[in-house]
Amino acid sequence: MPTISNSSPTSCITHLLYGTNPTNQLSFSPTHRGKGTPRRKVKKVHRTADADDKKLQTTLKKLNVQPIQGIEEVNMFKEDGNVIHFGAPRVHASVPSNTFALYGHGEEKELTELVPGILNQLGPDSLASLRKLAESYQNMQKAQGEKKDDDEEDDIPDLVEGENFESKVE
């Protein structure tokens, strides 16, 4: 067991600042119990999603959020071109605190899956990204077409009857 002398300057400063004696702290520490004492297990508290949800609900109540009616779907556009799509979500908002809460199941989809239904929702930035996506999709199709042509050249040639290629190798 380490010993700390009371005459060291750090122990005197600690004693003056905190009103505690460092040697007493070591004797009551749970890691320095002594010989023959059983180890006590620490009880771990597991948090569930329900507890987090309740905390979120109480925080939203403090912000005085109100439900917004008539929202059929919510689409969140990501930078990589994918969309997080919520079908029939519950939306709560507090405009003064600039807080919006969405409740529902979100699915990550590609922009091409949602294009016919969301064209009227797209702004100028999203239209530009849609054009880029269409160009990259066309380039990808061209690359796959060229790849198929290369695959035909890499195949094993058909056997030709009646020819002996061993004599040509020698």
N, C-alpha and C. Protein backbone atom coordinates (compact mmCIF):
# COMPACT_ATOMS: atom_id res chain seq x y z
N MET A 1 0.85 -1.17 0.00
CA MET A 1 0.00 0.00 0.00
C MET A 1 0.89 1.23 0.00
N PRO A 2 0.66 2.17 -0.96
CA PRO A 2 1.51 3.35 -1.02
C PRO A 2 1.24 4.26 0.17
N THR A 3 2.31 4.89 0.60
CA THR A 3 2.16 5.82 1.72
C THR A 3 2.43 7.22 1.23
N ILE A 4 1.71 8.16 1.78
CA ILE A 4 1.90 9.56 1.44
C ILE A 4 2.26 10.28 2.72
N SER A 5 3.38 10.97 2.66
CA SER A 5 3.78 11.70 3.87
C SER A 5 3.01 13.02 3.92
N ASN A 6 2.66 13.41 5.11
CA ASN A 6 1.91 14.65 5.29
C ASN A 6 2.79 15.87 5.14
N SER A 7 4.09 15.67 5.05
CA SER A 7 4.99 16.82 4.97
C SER A 7 5.23 17.28 3.53
N SER A 8 4.73 16.54 2.53
CA SER A 8 4.96 16.96 1.15
C SER A 8 4.10 18.19 0.84
N PRO A 9 4.60 19.10 -0.02
CA PRO A 9 3.86 20.33 -0.30
C PRO A 9 2.53 20.07 -1.00
N THR A 10 2.46 19.03 -1.85
CA THR A 10 1.19 18.79 -2.55
C THR A 10 0.12 18.31 -1.61
N SER A 11 0.50 17.49 -0.62
CA SER A 11 -0.51 17.01 0.32
C SER A 11 -1.00 18.15 1.21
N CYS A 12 -0.11 19.07 1.56
CA CYS A 12 -0.53 20.22 2.37
C CYS A 12 -1.48 21.11 1.59
N ILE A 13 -1.19 21.33 0.30
CA ILE A 13 -2.07 22.16 -0.53
C ILE A 13 -3.41 21.48 -0.71
N THR A 14 -3.40 20.18 -0.93
CA THR A 14 -4.65 19.44 -1.07
C THR A 14 -5.47 19.52 0.20
N HIS A 15 -4.78 19.39 1.34
CA HIS A 15 -5.47 19.45 2.62
C HIS A 15 -6.07 20.83 2.85
N LEU A 16 -5.35 21.87 2.46
CA LEU A 16 -5.86 23.23 2.65
C LEU A 16 -7.00 23.55 1.69
N LEU A 17 -6.87 23.13 0.43
CA LEU A 17 -7.89 23.47 -0.57
C LEU A 17 -9.18 22.70 -0.36
N TYR A 18 -9.07 21.41 -0.14
CA TYR A 18 -10.26 20.57 -0.10
C TYR A 18 -10.67 20.16 1.31
N GLY A 19 -9.86 20.46 2.28
CA GLY A 19 -10.21 20.12 3.65
C GLY A 19 -10.15 18.64 3.93
N THR A 20 -9.38 17.90 3.14
CA THR A 20 -9.27 16.46 3.34
C THR A 20 -7.81 16.08 3.48
N ASN A 21 -7.58 15.01 4.15
CA ASN A 21 -6.23 14.48 4.30
C ASN A 21 -6.04 13.39 3.25
N PRO A 22 -5.02 13.46 2.42
CA PRO A 22 -4.84 12.47 1.36
C PRO A 22 -4.66 11.05 1.88
N THR A 23 -4.09 10.89 3.06
CA THR A 23 -3.93 9.53 3.59
C THR A 23 -5.28 8.94 3.95
N ASN A 24 -6.23 9.75 4.38
CA ASN A 24 -7.56 9.25 4.69
C ASN A 24 -8.29 8.83 3.42
N GLN A 25 -8.02 9.52 2.32
CA GLN A 25 -8.69 9.18 1.07
C GLN A 25 -8.28 7.78 0.61
N LEU A 26 -7.03 7.44 0.79
CA LEU A 26 -6.58 6.12 0.37
C LEU A 26 -7.17 5.02 1.25
N SER A 27 -7.32 5.29 2.52
CA SER A 27 -7.81 4.24 3.40
C SER A 27 -9.28 3.94 3.17
N PHE A 28 -10.07 4.89 2.68
CA PHE A 28 -11.48 4.66 2.44
C PHE A 28 -11.81 4.38 0.98
N SER A 29 -10.80 4.28 0.16
CA SER A 29 -11.01 4.03 -1.26
C SER A 29 -11.50 2.61 -1.47
N PRO A 30 -12.47 2.40 -2.37
CA PRO A 30 -12.97 1.04 -2.58
C PRO A 30 -11.96 0.11 -3.23
N THR A 31 -10.92 0.66 -3.85
CA THR A 31 -9.92 -0.20 -4.48
C THR A 31 -8.90 -0.71 -3.47
N HIS A 32 -8.79 -0.09 -2.30
CA HIS A 32 -7.84 -0.50 -1.27
C HIS A 32 -8.62 -1.00 -0.07
N ARG A 33 -9.20 -2.16 -0.18
CA ARG A 33 -10.06 -2.68 0.89
C ARG A 33 -9.25 -3.36 1.99
N GLY A 34 -8.37 -4.17 1.62
CA GLY A 34 -7.63 -4.92 2.62
C GLY A 34 -7.69 -6.40 2.32
N LYS A 35 -6.93 -7.13 3.07
CA LYS A 35 -6.81 -8.55 2.82
C LYS A 35 -8.04 -9.29 3.32
N GLY A 36 -8.58 -10.17 2.50
CA GLY A 36 -9.68 -11.01 2.91
C GLY A 36 -11.06 -10.44 2.68
N THR A 37 -11.17 -9.24 2.19
CA THR A 37 -12.51 -8.68 1.96
C THR A 37 -13.01 -9.13 0.59
N PRO A 38 -14.28 -9.45 0.48
CA PRO A 38 -14.80 -9.91 -0.82
C PRO A 38 -14.94 -8.76 -1.80
N ARG A 39 -14.83 -9.09 -3.04
CA ARG A 39 -15.03 -8.09 -4.09
C ARG A 39 -16.51 -7.85 -4.27
N ARG A 40 -16.89 -6.62 -4.36
CA ARG A 40 -18.28 -6.26 -4.56
C ARG A 40 -18.48 -5.89 -6.02
N LYS A 41 -19.49 -6.46 -6.62
CA LYS A 41 -19.78 -6.13 -8.01
C LYS A 41 -20.54 -4.81 -8.07
N VAL A 42 -20.24 -4.04 -9.08
CA VAL A 42 -20.91 -2.76 -9.28
C VAL A 42 -22.19 -3.02 -10.06
N LYS A 43 -23.28 -2.50 -9.56
CA LYS A 43 -24.56 -2.69 -10.24
C LYS A 43 -24.61 -1.72 -11.42
N LYS A 44 -24.77 -2.27 -12.62
CA LYS A 44 -24.84 -1.45 -13.82
C LYS A 44 -26.29 -1.23 -14.19
N VAL A 45 -26.61 0.01 -14.47
CA VAL A 45 -27.97 0.36 -14.85
C VAL A 45 -28.04 0.37 -16.37
N HIS A 46 -28.91 -0.46 -16.93
CA HIS A 46 -29.08 -0.52 -18.37
C HIS A 46 -30.19 0.42 -18.79
N ARG A 47 -29.89 1.28 -19.73
CA ARG A 47 -30.91 2.20 -20.24
C ARG A 47 -31.59 1.57 -21.43
N THR A 48 -32.87 1.74 -21.48
CA THR A 48 -33.63 1.23 -22.61
C THR A 48 -33.99 2.39 -23.53
N ALA A 49 -34.47 2.04 -24.69
CA ALA A 49 -34.89 3.07 -25.64
C ALA A 49 -36.11 3.81 -25.12
N ASP A 50 -36.92 3.13 -24.31
CA ASP A 50 -38.10 3.78 -23.74
C ASP A 50 -37.71 4.92 -22.82
N ALA A 51 -36.64 4.73 -22.04
CA ALA A 51 -36.19 5.78 -21.14
C ALA A 51 -35.71 6.99 -21.93
N ASP A 52 -34.97 6.74 -23.01
CA ASP A 52 -34.51 7.85 -23.85
C ASP A 52 -35.69 8.55 -24.50
N ASP A 53 -36.68 7.77 -24.92
CA ASP A 53 -37.86 8.35 -25.55
C ASP A 53 -38.64 9.22 -24.57
N LYS A 54 -38.72 8.78 -23.32
CA LYS A 54 -39.43 9.57 -22.31
C LYS A 54 -38.70 10.88 -22.04
N LYS A 55 -37.37 10.83 -21.98
CA LYS A 55 -36.60 12.06 -21.78
C LYS A 55 -36.81 13.02 -22.94
N LEU A 56 -36.84 12.48 -24.14
CA LEU A 56 -37.07 13.31 -25.32
C LEU A 56 -38.46 13.93 -25.27
N GLN A 57 -39.45 13.15 -24.87
CA GLN A 57 -40.83 13.66 -24.78
C GLN A 57 -40.93 14.79 -23.76
N THR A 58 -40.29 14.64 -22.62
CA THR A 58 -40.35 15.71 -21.61
C THR A 58 -39.65 16.96 -22.09
N THR A 59 -38.54 16.80 -22.81
CA THR A 59 -37.84 17.96 -23.35
C THR A 59 -38.69 18.66 -24.39
N LEU A 60 -39.37 17.90 -25.23
CA LEU A 60 -40.24 18.51 -26.24
C LEU A 60 -41.44 19.20 -25.59
N LYS A 61 -41.94 18.66 -24.51
CA LYS A 61 -43.05 19.33 -23.80
C LYS A 61 -42.60 20.66 -23.23
N LYS A 62 -41.36 20.72 -22.75
CA LYS A 62 -40.83 21.98 -22.23
C LYS A 62 -40.74 23.03 -23.33
N LEU A 63 -40.46 22.58 -24.56
CA LEU A 63 -40.37 23.50 -25.69
C LEU A 63 -41.73 23.86 -26.26
N ASN A 64 -42.80 23.25 -25.74
CA ASN A 64 -44.18 23.54 -26.15
C ASN A 64 -44.39 23.25 -27.64
N VAL A 65 -44.09 22.02 -28.05
CA VAL A 65 -44.30 21.63 -29.44
C VAL A 65 -45.77 21.31 -29.66
N GLN A 66 -46.25 21.60 -30.86
CA GLN A 66 -47.64 21.36 -31.24
C GLN A 66 -47.66 20.43 -32.45
N PRO A 67 -48.63 19.52 -32.52
CA PRO A 67 -48.70 18.64 -33.69
C PRO A 67 -49.13 19.40 -34.93
N ILE A 68 -48.58 19.02 -36.05
CA ILE A 68 -48.93 19.62 -37.34
C ILE A 68 -49.70 18.56 -38.13
N GLN A 69 -50.88 18.92 -38.60
CA GLN A 69 -51.74 17.98 -39.32
C GLN A 69 -51.54 18.12 -40.83
N GLY A 70 -51.87 17.07 -41.55
CA GLY A 70 -51.92 17.12 -43.01
C GLY A 70 -50.60 16.85 -43.71
N ILE A 71 -49.61 16.32 -43.04
CA ILE A 71 -48.34 16.00 -43.70
C ILE A 71 -48.38 14.52 -44.07
N GLU A 72 -48.31 14.25 -45.37
CA GLU A 72 -48.43 12.88 -45.86
C GLU A 72 -47.10 12.15 -45.91
N GLU A 73 -46.03 12.87 -46.26
CA GLU A 73 -44.72 12.24 -46.33
C GLU A 73 -43.64 13.28 -46.08
N VAL A 74 -42.47 12.80 -45.66
CA VAL A 74 -41.32 13.67 -45.44
C VAL A 74 -40.13 13.01 -46.13
N ASN A 75 -39.41 13.81 -46.91
CA ASN A 75 -38.21 13.33 -47.60
C ASN A 75 -37.04 14.19 -47.16
N MET A 76 -35.99 13.57 -46.68
CA MET A 76 -34.77 14.27 -46.30
C MET A 76 -33.68 13.87 -47.28
N PHE A 77 -33.15 14.86 -47.99
CA PHE A 77 -32.15 14.61 -49.02
C PHE A 77 -30.76 14.64 -48.40
N LYS A 78 -30.00 13.57 -48.62
CA LYS A 78 -28.65 13.48 -48.11
C LYS A 78 -27.67 13.94 -49.18
N GLU A 79 -26.43 14.22 -48.76
CA GLU A 79 -25.42 14.72 -49.69
C GLU A 79 -24.99 13.67 -50.71
N ASP A 80 -25.08 12.40 -50.35
CA ASP A 80 -24.63 11.35 -51.27
C ASP A 80 -25.67 10.99 -52.32
N GLY A 81 -26.81 11.69 -52.33
CA GLY A 81 -27.83 11.45 -53.34
C GLY A 81 -28.95 10.55 -52.88
N ASN A 82 -28.83 9.95 -51.71
CA ASN A 82 -29.91 9.12 -51.19
C ASN A 82 -30.92 9.98 -50.45
N VAL A 83 -32.08 9.40 -50.19
CA VAL A 83 -33.18 10.12 -49.54
C VAL A 83 -33.67 9.29 -48.36
N ILE A 84 -33.89 9.95 -47.22
CA ILE A 84 -34.55 9.28 -46.10
C ILE A 84 -36.02 9.61 -46.22
N HIS A 85 -36.83 8.58 -46.45
CA HIS A 85 -38.25 8.75 -46.75
C HIS A 85 -39.10 8.29 -45.57
N PHE A 86 -39.96 9.18 -45.08
CA PHE A 86 -40.91 8.86 -44.02
C PHE A 86 -42.30 8.87 -44.64
N GLY A 87 -42.99 7.76 -44.60
CA GLY A 87 -44.36 7.70 -45.11
C GLY A 87 -45.34 7.88 -43.96
N ALA A 88 -46.23 8.85 -44.06
CA ALA A 88 -47.25 9.16 -43.04
C ALA A 88 -46.64 9.37 -41.66
N PRO A 89 -45.72 10.33 -41.50
CA PRO A 89 -45.13 10.55 -40.18
C PRO A 89 -46.01 11.45 -39.32
N ARG A 90 -45.79 11.39 -38.02
CA ARG A 90 -46.38 12.38 -37.12
C ARG A 90 -45.34 13.47 -36.95
N VAL A 91 -45.75 14.71 -37.16
CA VAL A 91 -44.83 15.84 -37.10
C VAL A 91 -45.28 16.78 -36.00
N HIS A 92 -44.35 17.15 -35.12
CA HIS A 92 -44.59 18.13 -34.07
C HIS A 92 -43.57 19.25 -34.26
N ALA A 93 -44.00 20.49 -34.00
CA ALA A 93 -43.11 21.61 -34.24
C ALA A 93 -43.30 22.70 -33.19
N SER A 94 -42.23 23.41 -32.93
CA SER A 94 -42.24 24.62 -32.13
C SER A 94 -41.50 25.67 -32.94
N VAL A 95 -42.25 26.54 -33.58
CA VAL A 95 -41.65 27.52 -34.49
C VAL A 95 -40.76 28.51 -33.76
N PRO A 96 -41.16 29.05 -32.58
CA PRO A 96 -40.27 30.02 -31.91
C PRO A 96 -38.90 29.44 -31.55
N SER A 97 -38.85 28.18 -31.20
CA SER A 97 -37.56 27.58 -30.85
C SER A 97 -36.92 26.85 -32.02
N ASN A 98 -37.54 26.92 -33.21
CA ASN A 98 -37.01 26.31 -34.43
C ASN A 98 -36.74 24.81 -34.22
N THR A 99 -37.74 24.12 -33.67
CA THR A 99 -37.60 22.70 -33.36
C THR A 99 -38.71 21.92 -34.05
N PHE A 100 -38.31 20.85 -34.74
CA PHE A 100 -39.25 19.97 -35.42
C PHE A 100 -38.93 18.54 -35.01
N ALA A 101 -39.98 17.76 -34.77
CA ALA A 101 -39.81 16.36 -34.38
C ALA A 101 -40.63 15.49 -35.32
N LEU A 102 -39.99 14.45 -35.86
CA LEU A 102 -40.65 13.49 -36.74
C LEU A 102 -40.76 12.16 -36.03
N TYR A 103 -41.94 11.57 -36.09
CA TYR A 103 -42.16 10.24 -35.53
C TYR A 103 -42.63 9.34 -36.65
N GLY A 104 -41.94 8.24 -36.84
CA GLY A 104 -42.33 7.30 -37.88
C GLY A 104 -41.14 6.47 -38.30
N HIS A 105 -41.39 5.57 -39.21
CA HIS A 105 -40.35 4.67 -39.71
C HIS A 105 -39.71 5.29 -40.94
N GLY A 106 -38.41 5.57 -40.88
CA GLY A 106 -37.69 6.14 -42.01
C GLY A 106 -36.97 5.08 -42.80
N GLU A 107 -37.08 5.17 -44.12
CA GLU A 107 -36.40 4.23 -45.00
C GLU A 107 -35.44 4.99 -45.88
N GLU A 108 -34.23 4.46 -46.03
CA GLU A 108 -33.27 5.10 -46.92
C GLU A 108 -33.45 4.54 -48.32
N LYS A 109 -33.74 5.44 -49.26
CA LYS A 109 -33.98 5.04 -50.64
C LYS A 109 -33.11 5.88 -51.56
N GLU A 110 -32.95 5.37 -52.77
CA GLU A 110 -32.23 6.15 -53.78
C GLU A 110 -33.19 7.16 -54.38
N LEU A 111 -32.62 8.23 -54.87
CA LEU A 111 -33.43 9.30 -55.44
C LEU A 111 -34.20 8.82 -56.66
N THR A 112 -33.64 7.87 -57.40
CA THR A 112 -34.31 7.38 -58.60
C THR A 112 -35.60 6.64 -58.28
N GLU A 113 -35.71 6.05 -57.09
CA GLU A 113 -36.93 5.35 -56.71
C GLU A 113 -38.09 6.31 -56.47
N LEU A 114 -37.78 7.53 -56.05
CA LEU A 114 -38.82 8.48 -55.67
C LEU A 114 -39.05 9.58 -56.70
N VAL A 115 -38.33 9.53 -57.83
CA VAL A 115 -38.35 10.66 -58.78
C VAL A 115 -39.74 11.04 -59.27
N PRO A 116 -40.60 10.16 -59.72
CA PRO A 116 -41.87 10.65 -60.27
C PRO A 116 -42.72 11.39 -59.25
N GLY A 117 -42.71 10.96 -58.02
CA GLY A 117 -43.58 11.57 -57.02
C GLY A 117 -43.03 12.82 -56.36
N ILE A 118 -41.72 13.06 -56.46
CA ILE A 118 -41.15 14.18 -55.72
C ILE A 118 -40.61 15.30 -56.61
N LEU A 119 -40.91 15.27 -57.88
CA LEU A 119 -40.40 16.33 -58.75
C LEU A 119 -40.90 17.71 -58.33
N ASN A 120 -42.14 17.80 -57.85
CA ASN A 120 -42.65 19.10 -57.43
C ASN A 120 -42.06 19.54 -56.10
N GLN A 121 -41.41 18.66 -55.35
CA GLN A 121 -40.80 19.01 -54.07
C GLN A 121 -39.36 19.48 -54.21
N LEU A 122 -38.75 19.22 -55.34
CA LEU A 122 -37.33 19.52 -55.51
C LEU A 122 -37.11 21.01 -55.72
N GLY A 123 -36.09 21.53 -55.04
CA GLY A 123 -35.68 22.91 -55.23
C GLY A 123 -34.59 22.97 -56.28
N PRO A 124 -34.02 24.16 -56.50
CA PRO A 124 -32.98 24.30 -57.53
C PRO A 124 -31.72 23.47 -57.22
N ASP A 125 -31.35 23.37 -55.96
CA ASP A 125 -30.17 22.57 -55.61
C ASP A 125 -30.42 21.09 -55.86
N SER A 126 -31.61 20.64 -55.52
CA SER A 126 -31.95 19.23 -55.70
C SER A 126 -32.08 18.89 -57.18
N LEU A 127 -32.59 19.83 -57.98
CA LEU A 127 -32.67 19.58 -59.42
C LEU A 127 -31.28 19.43 -60.03
N ALA A 128 -30.34 20.25 -59.56
CA ALA A 128 -28.97 20.13 -60.05
C ALA A 128 -28.38 18.77 -59.65
N SER A 129 -28.63 18.35 -58.44
CA SER A 129 -28.11 17.04 -58.02
C SER A 129 -28.80 15.91 -58.77
N LEU A 130 -30.07 16.11 -59.14
CA LEU A 130 -30.79 15.11 -59.92
C LEU A 130 -30.17 14.99 -61.32
N ARG A 131 -29.80 16.12 -61.90
CA ARG A 131 -29.12 16.09 -63.21
C ARG A 131 -27.79 15.35 -63.11
N LYS A 132 -27.02 15.65 -62.06
CA LYS A 132 -25.74 14.98 -61.87
C LYS A 132 -25.95 13.48 -61.69
N LEU A 133 -26.98 13.12 -60.95
CA LEU A 133 -27.29 11.71 -60.73
C LEU A 133 -27.66 11.02 -62.03
N ALA A 134 -28.44 11.71 -62.87
CA ALA A 134 -28.83 11.13 -64.16
C ALA A 134 -27.60 10.94 -65.05
N GLU A 135 -26.69 11.92 -65.06
CA GLU A 135 -25.48 11.81 -65.86
C GLU A 135 -24.60 10.65 -65.35
N SER A 136 -24.45 10.55 -64.05
CA SER A 136 -23.63 9.47 -63.51
C SER A 136 -24.27 8.11 -63.78
N TYR A 137 -25.59 8.05 -63.76
CA TYR A 137 -26.30 6.81 -64.05
C TYR A 137 -26.07 6.40 -65.50
N GLN A 138 -26.11 7.38 -66.43
CA GLN A 138 -25.86 7.08 -67.84
C GLN A 138 -24.42 6.62 -68.03
N ASN A 139 -23.47 7.29 -67.37
CA ASN A 139 -22.07 6.88 -67.48
C ASN A 139 -21.86 5.48 -66.93
N MET A 140 -22.57 5.16 -65.86
CA MET A 140 -22.47 3.83 -65.28
C MET A 140 -23.03 2.78 -66.23
N GLN A 141 -24.13 3.10 -66.91
CA GLN A 141 -24.71 2.17 -67.88
C GLN A 141 -23.75 1.94 -69.05
N LYS A 142 -23.10 3.02 -69.51
CA LYS A 142 -22.12 2.89 -70.60
C LYS A 142 -20.95 2.02 -70.16
N ALA A 143 -20.47 2.23 -68.94
CA ALA A 143 -19.34 1.45 -68.43
C ALA A 143 -19.71 -0.02 -68.31
N GLN A 144 -20.94 -0.31 -67.90
CA GLN A 144 -21.37 -1.70 -67.80
C GLN A 144 -21.49 -2.33 -69.18
N GLY A 145 -21.91 -1.54 -70.19
CA GLY A 145 -21.99 -2.05 -71.56
C GLY A 145 -20.61 -2.40 -72.09
N GLU A 146 -19.62 -1.54 -71.83
CA GLU A 146 -18.25 -1.81 -72.25
C GLU A 146 -17.69 -3.02 -71.50
N LYS A 147 -18.06 -3.17 -70.27
CA LYS A 147 -17.58 -4.28 -69.47
C LYS A 147 -18.10 -5.60 -70.02
N LYS A 148 -19.35 -5.61 -70.49
CA LYS A 148 -19.91 -6.82 -71.07
C LYS A 148 -19.16 -7.20 -72.33
N ASP A 149 -18.77 -6.21 -73.14
CA ASP A 149 -18.00 -6.49 -74.35
C ASP A 149 -16.64 -7.08 -73.99
N ASP A 150 -16.01 -6.57 -72.94
CA ASP A 150 -14.72 -7.09 -72.50
C ASP A 150 -14.85 -8.51 -71.99
N ASP A 151 -15.96 -8.84 -71.37
CA ASP A 151 -16.16 -10.18 -70.83
C ASP A 151 -16.20 -11.21 -71.95
N GLU A 152 -16.74 -10.84 -73.11
CA GLU A 152 -16.81 -11.77 -74.23
C GLU A 152 -15.42 -12.10 -74.75
N GLU A 153 -14.50 -11.13 -74.73
CA GLU A 153 -13.14 -11.37 -75.19
C GLU A 153 -12.36 -12.23 -74.21
N ASP A 154 -12.68 -12.18 -72.95
CA ASP A 154 -11.95 -12.92 -71.93
C ASP A 154 -12.41 -14.37 -71.79
N ASP A 155 -13.47 -14.76 -72.50
CA ASP A 155 -13.98 -16.11 -72.37
C ASP A 155 -13.01 -17.11 -72.99
N ILE A 156 -13.16 -18.37 -72.63
CA ILE A 156 -12.34 -19.45 -73.18
C ILE A 156 -12.81 -19.71 -74.60
N PRO A 157 -11.87 -19.79 -75.54
CA PRO A 157 -12.29 -20.00 -76.93
C PRO A 157 -12.88 -21.40 -77.13
N ASP A 158 -13.72 -21.51 -78.12
CA ASP A 158 -14.33 -22.79 -78.45
C ASP A 158 -13.29 -23.72 -79.07
N LEU A 159 -13.47 -25.01 -78.86
CA LEU A 159 -12.56 -25.99 -79.43
C LEU A 159 -12.82 -26.15 -80.92
N VAL A 160 -11.74 -26.27 -81.65
CA VAL A 160 -11.85 -26.46 -83.09
C VAL A 160 -11.46 -27.90 -83.38
N GLU A 161 -12.34 -28.61 -84.08
CA GLU A 161 -12.09 -30.02 -84.35
C GLU A 161 -11.08 -30.17 -85.49
N GLY A 162 -10.24 -31.16 -85.34
CA GLY A 162 -9.33 -31.52 -86.41
C GLY A 162 -8.03 -30.75 -86.40
N GLU A 163 -7.83 -29.80 -85.55
CA GLU A 163 -6.57 -29.06 -85.55
C GLU A 163 -5.76 -29.44 -84.32
N ASN A 164 -4.45 -29.53 -84.52
CA ASN A 164 -3.55 -29.87 -83.45
C ASN A 164 -2.69 -28.65 -83.17
N PHE A 165 -2.92 -28.03 -82.05
CA PHE A 165 -2.18 -26.81 -81.71
C PHE A 165 -0.87 -27.11 -81.01
N GLU A 166 -0.66 -28.36 -80.59
CA GLU A 166 0.58 -28.72 -79.91
C GLU A 166 1.76 -28.61 -80.85
N SER A 167 1.56 -28.91 -82.08
CA SER A 167 2.67 -28.82 -83.03
C SER A 167 3.03 -27.36 -83.30
N LYS A 168 2.07 -26.47 -83.18
CA LYS A 168 2.35 -25.05 -83.40
C LYS A 168 3.11 -24.44 -82.22
N VAL A 169 2.95 -25.01 -81.05
CA VAL A 169 3.62 -24.48 -79.87
C VAL A 169 5.09 -24.84 -79.91
N GLU A 170 5.43 -26.02 -80.42
CA GLU A 170 6.82 -26.48 -80.44
C GLU A 170 7.57 -25.73 -81.46
